[in-house]
Structure formats: C-alpha cells, structure tokens
Amino acid sequence: MGYFGLNSIGTQSAAIDAQQNIPKIDENAQEDALREQTDAFESVIIKMMLDNAMKDEKNLFSSQNDPGDKIYKSMYRDELSKVSAGSFGFSEMLYEYLSRK
C-alpha cells in the first residue's frame, strides 16, 4: 500500500488518466500562429527599411510641414509594410527555420 491507502497501480492509472485529459493543441493552429508572427516580424523589418529610405523625402504638394504630416507618413509606411509582409522572403525563411521538428 502506498500513501493514503492507494496502491501503486491505482496511482499510475490516475496519472495516465490525467495525462489523457490534457487538451492537445491543433497543429494547424500552431502553424497559422507561427506564420502570423513571422509575417509580423517581416513587417517590422520592412517598416524600418521604409523609414530609413523615406526620411529625406520632400513634400510634393506643400512647402510647409503640416502638423500631422509626419504622423500620416508614418501611418502610411506602417500600412505599406503590413501589406507587403510575406512577399519579401524573410518571413518564409524564418517560418521554415522555426517549423523544423
């Protein structure tokens, strides 16, 4: 007899039952989440490249800097980088590397 009057067989079967009730994570959901994160990482890289490339950009329509001009341009580059993510290849390389089993 083991602790609290349980024999070792009863304890082992309880441990097995507890392991079987653990919810399994869907592998497709994991792959989708990994793809989403690698695309987000590529988006950050693209945004940094666009910020650097467009930092000396001149205004086409006005010679004065509007108060929201920098904010608008930053938002534009952010959306451009999000849309472009996944098409430059960084995301695919990172996904392939991280999804190896």
C-alpha atoms as a PDB file:
ATOM      1  CA  MET A   1       0.000   0.000   0.000  1.00  0.00           C
ATOM      2  CA  GLY A   2       1.208   3.495  -0.863  1.00  0.00           C
ATOM      3  CA  TYR A   3       0.260   6.867   0.548  1.00  0.00           C
ATOM      4  CA  PHE A   4      -3.313   7.298   1.728  1.00  0.00           C
ATOM      5  CA  GLY A   5      -4.171   3.691   1.117  1.00  0.00           C
ATOM      6  CA  LEU A   6      -3.667   3.775  -2.649  1.00  0.00           C
ATOM      7  CA  ASN A   7      -1.626   1.080  -4.220  1.00  0.00           C
ATOM      8  CA  SER A   8       0.965   1.912  -6.845  1.00  0.00           C
ATOM      9  CA  ILE A   9      -1.218   0.585  -9.681  1.00  0.00           C
ATOM     10  CA  GLY A  10      -4.055   2.941  -8.774  1.00  0.00           C
ATOM     11  CA  THR A  11      -1.661   5.880  -8.628  1.00  0.00           C
ATOM     12  CA  GLN A  12      -0.203   5.051 -12.038  1.00  0.00           C
ATOM     13  CA  SER A  13      -3.603   4.717 -13.668  1.00  0.00           C
ATOM     14  CA  ALA A  14      -4.691   8.059 -12.181  1.00  0.00           C
ATOM     15  CA  ALA A  15      -1.567   9.698 -13.622  1.00  0.00           C
ATOM     16  CA  ILE A  16      -2.275   8.187 -17.047  1.00  0.00           C
ATOM     17  CA  ASP A  17      -5.886   9.386 -16.925  1.00  0.00           C
ATOM     18  CA  ALA A  18      -4.713  12.884 -16.015  1.00  0.00           C
ATOM     19  CA  GLN A  19      -2.316  12.920 -18.983  1.00  0.00           C
ATOM     20  CA  GLN A  20      -5.024  11.843 -21.418  1.00  0.00           C
ATOM     21  CA  ASN A  21      -7.280  14.728 -20.395  1.00  0.00           C
ATOM     22  CA  ILE A  22      -4.684  17.322 -21.400  1.00  0.00           C
ATOM     23  CA  PRO A  23      -6.091  19.254 -24.374  1.00  0.00           C
ATOM     24  CA  LYS A  24      -3.994  18.841 -27.484  1.00  0.00           C
ATOM     25  CA  ILE A  25      -3.134  21.968 -29.410  1.00  0.00           C
ATOM     26  CA  ASP A  26      -4.172  21.817 -33.030  1.00  0.00           C
ATOM     27  CA  GLU A  27      -1.053  21.690 -35.219  1.00  0.00           C
ATOM     28  CA  ASN A  28      -2.722  23.762 -37.944  1.00  0.00           C
ATOM     29  CA  ALA A  29      -3.455  26.478 -35.397  1.00  0.00           C
ATOM     30  CA  GLN A  30       0.189  26.420 -34.315  1.00  0.00           C
ATOM     31  CA  GLU A  31       1.367  26.716 -37.918  1.00  0.00           C
ATOM     32  CA  ASP A  32      -1.037  29.582 -38.572  1.00  0.00           C
ATOM     33  CA  ALA A  33       0.119  31.388 -35.432  1.00  0.00           C
ATOM     34  CA  LEU A  34       3.767  30.880 -36.403  1.00  0.00           C
ATOM     35  CA  ARG A  35       3.079  32.186 -39.921  1.00  0.00           C
ATOM     36  CA  GLU A  36       1.310  35.223 -38.462  1.00  0.00           C
ATOM     37  CA  GLN A  37       4.237  36.000 -36.168  1.00  0.00           C
ATOM     38  CA  THR A  38       6.866  35.585 -38.880  1.00  0.00           C
ATOM     39  CA  ASP A  39       4.857  37.896 -41.159  1.00  0.00           C
ATOM     40  CA  ALA A  40       4.653  40.436 -38.324  1.00  0.00           C
ATOM     41  CA  PHE A  41       8.426  40.228 -37.880  1.00  0.00           C
ATOM     42  CA  GLU A  42       8.960  40.784 -41.599  1.00  0.00           C
ATOM     43  CA  SER A  43       6.591  43.750 -41.402  1.00  0.00           C
ATOM     44  CA  VAL A  44       8.801  45.337 -38.733  1.00  0.00           C
ATOM     45  CA  ILE A  45      11.895  44.853 -40.895  1.00  0.00           C
ATOM     46  CA  ILE A  46      10.166  46.381 -43.922  1.00  0.00           C
ATOM     47  CA  LYS A  47       8.936  49.329 -41.810  1.00  0.00           C
ATOM     48  CA  MET A  48      12.483  50.020 -40.623  1.00  0.00           C
ATOM     49  CA  MET A  49      13.738  49.921 -44.218  1.00  0.00           C
ATOM     50  CA  LEU A  50      10.966  52.253 -45.415  1.00  0.00           C
ATOM     51  CA  ASP A  51      11.553  54.683 -42.542  1.00  0.00           C
ATOM     52  CA  ASN A  52      15.231  54.855 -43.415  1.00  0.00           C
ATOM     53  CA  ALA A  53      14.637  55.132 -47.160  1.00  0.00           C
ATOM     54  CA  MET A  54      11.995  57.859 -46.878  1.00  0.00           C
ATOM     55  CA  LYS A  55      13.485  60.007 -44.118  1.00  0.00           C
ATOM     56  CA  ASP A  56      14.725  62.659 -46.594  1.00  0.00           C
ATOM     57  CA  GLU A  57      11.522  62.686 -48.635  1.00  0.00           C
ATOM     58  CA  LYS A  58      10.375  66.126 -49.799  1.00  0.00           C
ATOM     59  CA  ASN A  59       6.782  67.280 -49.723  1.00  0.00           C
ATOM     60  CA  LEU A  60       5.235  67.274 -53.184  1.00  0.00           C
ATOM     61  CA  PHE A  61       2.183  69.410 -52.557  1.00  0.00           C
ATOM     62  CA  SER A  62       3.166  71.917 -49.892  1.00  0.00           C
ATOM     63  CA  SER A  63       6.334  73.589 -48.811  1.00  0.00           C
ATOM     64  CA  GLN A  64       5.200  73.790 -45.192  1.00  0.00           C
ATOM     65  CA  ASN A  65       5.178  70.879 -42.814  1.00  0.00           C
ATOM     66  CA  ASP A  66       1.654  70.230 -41.639  1.00  0.00           C
ATOM     67  CA  PRO A  67       1.320  69.168 -38.003  1.00  0.00           C
ATOM     68  CA  GLY A  68       0.020  65.742 -38.974  1.00  0.00           C
ATOM     69  CA  ASP A  69       2.377  65.243 -41.911  1.00  0.00           C
ATOM     70  CA  LYS A  70       4.904  63.090 -40.024  1.00  0.00           C
ATOM     71  CA  ILE A  71       2.146  61.072 -38.388  1.00  0.00           C
ATOM     72  CA  TYR A  72       0.376  60.480 -41.696  1.00  0.00           C
ATOM     73  CA  LYS A  73       3.600  59.390 -43.414  1.00  0.00           C
ATOM     74  CA  SER A  74       4.453  57.051 -40.536  1.00  0.00           C
ATOM     75  CA  MET A  75       0.981  55.503 -40.676  1.00  0.00           C
ATOM     76  CA  TYR A  76       1.289  55.130 -44.452  1.00  0.00           C
ATOM     77  CA  ARG A  77       4.645  53.341 -44.166  1.00  0.00           C
ATOM     78  CA  ASP A  78       3.273  51.133 -41.381  1.00  0.00           C
ATOM     79  CA  GLU A  79       0.313  50.008 -43.502  1.00  0.00           C
ATOM     80  CA  LEU A  80       2.537  49.572 -46.552  1.00  0.00           C
ATOM     81  CA  SER A  81       4.860  47.324 -44.552  1.00  0.00           C
ATOM     82  CA  LYS A  82       1.939  45.248 -43.216  1.00  0.00           C
ATOM     83  CA  VAL A  83       0.539  44.708 -46.699  1.00  0.00           C
ATOM     84  CA  SER A  84       3.968  43.838 -48.112  1.00  0.00           C
ATOM     85  CA  ALA A  85       4.833  41.387 -45.313  1.00  0.00           C
ATOM     86  CA  GLY A  86       5.206  37.831 -46.514  1.00  0.00           C
ATOM     87  CA  SER A  87       6.303  38.764 -50.024  1.00  0.00           C
ATOM     88  CA  PHE A  88       9.972  39.614 -49.435  1.00  0.00           C
ATOM     89  CA  GLY A  89      11.086  36.159 -48.277  1.00  0.00           C
ATOM     90  CA  PHE A  90      12.250  36.973 -44.737  1.00  0.00           C
ATOM     91  CA  SER A  91       9.045  35.560 -43.308  1.00  0.00           C
ATOM     92  CA  GLU A  92       9.291  32.347 -45.317  1.00  0.00           C
ATOM     93  CA  MET A  93      12.915  31.715 -44.302  1.00  0.00           C
ATOM     94  CA  LEU A  94      12.119  32.328 -40.638  1.00  0.00           C
ATOM     95  CA  TYR A  95       8.997  30.152 -40.811  1.00  0.00           C
ATOM     96  CA  GLU A  96      10.926  27.257 -42.376  1.00  0.00           C
ATOM     97  CA  TYR A  97      13.665  27.539 -39.771  1.00  0.00           C
ATOM     98  CA  LEU A  98      11.284  27.673 -36.787  1.00  0.00           C
ATOM     99  CA  SER A  99       8.910  24.957 -38.022  1.00  0.00           C
ATOM    100  CA  ARG A 100      11.577  22.237 -38.248  1.00  0.00           C
ATOM    101  CA  LYS A 101      10.837  19.348 -35.956  1.00  0.00           C
END
